Amino acid sequence: MLAGSDFSKQTYLVTENTGEVSGNGQNNPKFGRSRLRLTIVTGRRLTWSLNPRCKIQNLKCPSPEPRTPDPGFSNPKSEIQNPKSSNPAFTLIELMAAMAIMLLLTSIALPLARVHAQRLRELELQRDLREIRQAIDRYKDFSDRGNIPTKADTFGYPPDLDTLVKGVELKGAASLKYKFLRKIPADPMTGKPDWGLRSIQDDPDSRSWGGQNVFDIYSQSQGTALDGTHYADW
């Protein structure tokens, strides 16, 4: 089955036994006793119905007439390839929508970033407090064992934080010093190593240092943690 283009309106019929071509043509004896039925129906579509055992010889079809383009038909490729057919207002709407989405995401991301940064500072504060307090406890342990000299009013605690960094001479080895802390870390909430100090003679919630010894430390920040507690109470 084969579909073709437009031809002039002519019809040819080849009979099975005689080989005669009827229609707008002539008799063609070369077809002989062939088993062929050929029908050409012109117009918008061309249809062939052919027995595969038949052979066609010297059959010429009419020349096709040129097709005139349909004025109502539009080529979609021309619309796609033509950039002038796009609407510039639609591009402006897309830009405004993208800016609105970016502003929305920024307004959501900034508070989350601030909370994350505050949580990191709180973790650093907890680590620094634990490190200094462990150094004070080691000093107290050395004092109770008699490994380092102590003063009576210190109760075995360091006189200040600098003593933990500079070190203390061990008894029986005057040339050796034991250091309890590498350096005094800075308070991540204030950015300075200005820790609040309490001696063993001070009250547990005292904000002033008596100066006799260093029993505990605290942050001098007046801020509030994410859990609602004050950094000075940690």
Protein backbone atom coordinates (compact mmCIF):
# COMPACT_ATOMS: atom_id res chain seq x y z
CA MET A 1 0.00 0.00 0.00
CA LEU A 2 1.62 3.36 -1.00
CA ALA A 3 0.31 6.87 -0.53
CA GLY A 4 1.52 9.60 -2.86
CA SER A 5 0.97 13.24 -3.66
CA ASP A 6 -1.68 14.97 -5.77
CA PHE A 7 -2.16 13.95 -9.41
CA SER A 8 -4.55 15.09 -12.11
CA LYS A 9 -7.95 13.57 -11.73
CA GLN A 10 -7.57 10.45 -13.94
CA THR A 11 -8.44 6.81 -13.32
CA TYR A 12 -6.73 3.79 -14.93
CA LEU A 13 -7.94 0.21 -14.66
CA VAL A 14 -5.91 -2.80 -15.82
CA THR A 15 -8.01 -5.95 -16.12
CA GLU A 16 -6.68 -9.26 -14.91
CA ASN A 17 -7.03 -11.29 -18.10
CA THR A 18 -6.89 -8.94 -21.06
CA GLY A 19 -4.31 -6.42 -19.92
CA GLU A 20 -6.44 -3.56 -21.18
CA VAL A 21 -6.00 -0.17 -19.62
CA SER A 22 -9.27 1.64 -19.43
CA GLY A 23 -9.75 5.18 -18.47
CA ASN A 24 -7.87 8.11 -19.90
CA GLY A 25 -5.15 5.90 -21.52
CA GLN A 26 -4.69 3.31 -24.26
CA ASN A 27 -4.75 -0.46 -24.55
CA ASN A 28 -1.39 -1.95 -23.66
CA PRO A 29 -0.97 -5.56 -24.90
CA LYS A 30 2.36 -5.85 -23.05
CA PHE A 31 0.47 -6.65 -19.87
CA GLY A 32 -0.76 -9.92 -21.38
CA ARG A 33 -2.57 -12.28 -19.04
CA SER A 34 -1.27 -10.72 -15.89
CA ARG A 35 -3.04 -10.80 -12.58
CA LEU A 36 -2.89 -7.09 -11.90
CA ARG A 37 -5.46 -4.64 -10.72
CA LEU A 38 -4.10 -1.08 -10.72
CA THR A 39 -6.21 1.80 -9.63
CA ILE A 40 -5.00 5.40 -9.53
CA VAL A 41 -7.42 7.64 -7.72
CA THR A 42 -6.23 11.19 -7.89
CA GLY A 43 -7.03 14.00 -5.59
CA ARG A 44 -5.44 14.33 -2.11
CA ARG A 45 -4.22 10.71 -1.86
CA LEU A 46 -2.86 8.02 -4.25
CA THR A 47 -3.53 4.33 -3.54
CA TRP A 48 -1.89 1.28 -5.17
CA SER A 49 -3.32 -2.23 -4.87
CA LEU A 50 -0.89 -4.71 -6.38
CA ASN A 51 -0.60 -8.48 -6.52
CA PRO A 52 3.11 -9.28 -5.82
CA ARG A 53 3.18 -11.92 -8.63
CA CYS A 54 2.44 -9.34 -11.29
CA LYS A 55 5.00 -7.30 -13.26
CA ILE A 56 4.44 -3.80 -14.54
CA GLN A 57 6.09 -2.74 -17.78
CA ASN A 58 6.10 0.65 -19.47
CA LEU A 59 3.36 2.14 -17.32
CA LYS A 60 3.76 5.85 -16.91
CA CYS A 61 1.79 7.77 -14.32
CA PRO A 62 0.69 11.31 -14.93
CA SER A 63 3.03 13.99 -13.66
CA PRO A 64 2.07 15.36 -10.27
CA GLU A 65 0.70 18.83 -10.07
CA PRO A 66 2.53 21.26 -7.77
CA ARG A 67 0.93 21.71 -4.38
CA THR A 68 -0.03 25.16 -3.27
CA PRO A 69 0.63 25.82 0.42
CA ASP A 70 -2.38 26.18 2.63
CA PRO A 71 -2.60 29.78 3.82
CA GLY A 72 -4.07 28.58 7.12
CA PHE A 73 -1.12 26.26 7.86
CA SER A 74 1.68 27.59 10.06
CA ASN A 75 5.11 25.99 10.42
CA PRO A 76 5.90 25.40 14.12
CA LYS A 77 9.65 25.53 13.43
CA SER A 78 9.42 29.12 12.26
CA GLU A 79 7.75 30.09 15.52
CA ILE A 80 10.39 28.29 17.61
CA GLN A 81 13.37 29.68 15.72
CA ASN A 82 12.09 33.24 15.67
CA PRO A 83 13.21 34.95 18.88
CA LYS A 84 11.08 37.98 18.17
CA SER A 85 7.92 35.93 18.71
CA SER A 86 8.66 35.57 22.49
CA ASN A 87 6.96 37.97 24.83
CA PRO A 88 9.45 40.22 26.71
CA ALA A 89 6.90 40.81 29.47
CA PHE A 90 6.94 37.13 30.32
CA THR A 91 10.73 37.29 30.87
CA LEU A 92 10.26 40.22 33.26
CA ILE A 93 7.67 38.24 35.21
CA GLU A 94 10.08 35.31 35.48
CA LEU A 95 12.82 37.63 36.79
CA MET A 96 10.51 39.12 39.42
CA ALA A 97 9.38 35.66 40.53
CA ALA A 98 12.99 34.46 40.84
CA MET A 99 13.91 37.52 42.92
CA ALA A 100 10.92 36.94 45.20
CA ILE A 101 11.94 33.30 45.72
CA MET A 102 15.53 34.31 46.50
CA LEU A 103 14.37 36.89 49.05
CA LEU A 104 12.13 34.31 50.69
CA LEU A 105 14.93 31.75 50.92
CA THR A 106 17.32 34.38 52.30
CA SER A 107 14.85 35.42 54.98
CA ILE A 108 14.59 31.77 56.04
CA ALA A 109 18.31 30.95 55.82
CA LEU A 110 19.70 33.93 57.76
CA PRO A 111 17.99 33.12 61.09
CA LEU A 112 19.04 29.50 60.78
CA ALA A 113 22.64 30.56 60.13
CA ARG A 114 22.63 32.82 63.22
CA VAL A 115 21.25 30.03 65.40
CA HIS A 116 23.86 27.61 64.05
CA ALA A 117 26.69 30.08 64.77
CA GLN A 118 25.39 30.65 68.31
CA ARG A 119 25.20 26.93 68.95
CA LEU A 120 28.83 26.53 67.85
CA ARG A 121 29.92 29.27 70.28
CA GLU A 122 28.02 27.59 73.08
CA LEU A 123 29.77 24.30 72.38
CA GLU A 124 33.12 26.09 72.43
CA LEU A 125 32.24 27.76 75.74
CA GLN A 126 31.38 24.44 77.31
CA ARG A 127 34.65 22.95 76.09
CA ASP A 128 36.74 25.85 77.42
CA LEU A 129 35.04 25.80 80.84
CA ARG A 130 35.61 22.06 81.11
CA GLU A 131 39.28 22.38 80.10
CA ILE A 132 40.09 25.09 82.68
CA ARG A 133 38.16 23.36 85.45
CA GLN A 134 39.96 20.09 84.78
CA ALA A 135 43.29 21.94 85.02
CA ILE A 136 42.22 23.40 88.40
CA ASP A 137 41.25 19.92 89.61
CA ARG A 138 44.63 18.48 88.56
CA TYR A 139 46.40 21.25 90.44
CA LYS A 140 44.32 20.45 93.52
CA ASP A 141 45.15 16.74 93.16
CA PHE A 142 48.90 17.45 92.93
CA SER A 143 48.64 19.67 96.00
CA ASP A 144 46.78 17.06 98.03
CA ARG A 145 49.44 14.46 97.15
CA GLY A 146 52.21 16.81 98.24
CA ASN A 147 53.82 16.93 94.80
CA ILE A 148 53.80 20.74 94.64
CA PRO A 149 54.26 23.39 97.34
CA THR A 150 51.09 25.19 98.45
CA LYS A 151 50.17 28.12 100.66
CA ALA A 152 47.89 27.79 103.64
CA ASP A 153 45.23 30.25 102.46
CA THR A 154 44.92 28.61 99.02
CA PHE A 155 43.58 25.30 100.35
CA GLY A 156 45.55 23.57 97.63
CA TYR A 157 43.99 25.53 94.73
CA PRO A 158 46.00 27.66 92.25
CA PRO A 159 46.45 31.32 93.22
CA ASP A 160 45.50 32.45 89.66
CA LEU A 161 45.05 31.14 86.15
CA ASP A 162 48.52 32.19 85.02
CA THR A 163 50.00 29.67 87.47
CA LEU A 164 48.34 26.86 85.52
CA VAL A 165 50.07 28.03 82.33
CA LYS A 166 53.49 28.92 83.77
CA GLY A 167 53.66 25.70 85.76
CA VAL A 168 54.72 24.77 89.30
CA GLU A 169 58.01 23.29 90.46
CA LEU A 170 57.71 19.75 91.67
CA LYS A 171 59.02 18.88 95.12
CA GLY A 172 62.39 17.15 95.00
CA ALA A 173 63.04 18.44 91.46
CA ALA A 174 63.62 22.17 91.57
CA SER A 175 64.50 22.34 87.88
CA LEU A 176 61.28 20.67 86.72
CA LYS A 177 57.95 22.38 86.32
CA TYR A 178 54.61 20.78 85.69
CA LYS A 179 52.25 22.82 83.51
CA PHE A 180 48.54 22.19 83.86
CA LEU A 181 47.30 24.29 80.94
CA ARG A 182 48.86 25.19 77.60
CA LYS A 183 47.18 28.58 77.40
CA ILE A 184 44.17 30.40 78.75
CA PRO A 185 41.44 30.14 76.10
CA ALA A 186 39.38 33.17 75.20
CA ASP A 187 35.74 33.33 76.17
CA PRO A 188 33.89 32.74 72.85
CA MET A 189 31.03 34.95 74.02
CA THR A 190 33.22 37.99 74.75
CA GLY A 191 36.21 37.19 72.58
CA LYS A 192 38.63 37.87 75.44
CA PRO A 193 40.30 35.66 78.09
CA ASP A 194 38.59 37.65 80.87
CA TRP A 195 37.01 34.81 82.84
CA GLY A 196 35.19 35.48 86.05
CA LEU A 197 36.92 33.89 89.06
CA ARG A 198 35.66 32.55 92.39
CA SER A 199 37.70 31.47 95.37
CA ILE A 200 36.73 28.72 97.76
CA GLN A 201 35.87 31.41 100.32
CA ASP A 202 33.40 33.15 97.93
CA ASP A 203 29.70 32.39 97.65
CA PRO A 204 28.68 29.94 94.88
CA ASP A 205 26.85 32.71 92.95
CA SER A 206 29.31 35.49 93.73
CA ARG A 207 30.28 37.81 90.86
CA SER A 208 33.33 39.24 92.65
CA TRP A 209 36.57 37.46 93.35
CA GLY A 210 38.11 37.47 96.80
CA GLY A 211 41.62 36.88 95.39
CA GLN A 212 42.70 34.07 97.75
CA ASN A 213 42.68 31.29 95.13
CA VAL A 214 40.91 30.08 92.01
CA PHE A 215 38.25 27.55 92.91
CA ASP A 216 35.97 28.03 89.88
CA ILE A 217 35.51 30.17 86.78
CA TYR A 218 32.52 31.46 84.82
CA SER A 219 31.77 33.48 81.71
CA GLN A 220 31.30 37.21 82.16
CA SER A 221 28.89 37.36 79.24
CA GLN A 222 25.40 38.62 80.07
CA GLY A 223 23.84 36.75 77.18
CA THR A 224 21.20 34.06 77.24
CA ALA A 225 21.71 30.63 75.76
CA LEU A 226 19.41 28.89 73.32
CA ASP A 227 17.97 26.82 76.18
CA GLY A 228 17.06 29.98 78.13
CA THR A 229 19.88 29.81 80.71
CA HIS A 230 22.51 32.49 81.28
CA TYR A 231 26.08 31.90 80.20
CA ALA A 232 27.36 33.25 83.52
CA ASP A 233 25.60 30.35 85.31
CA TRP A 234 27.27 27.59 83.30
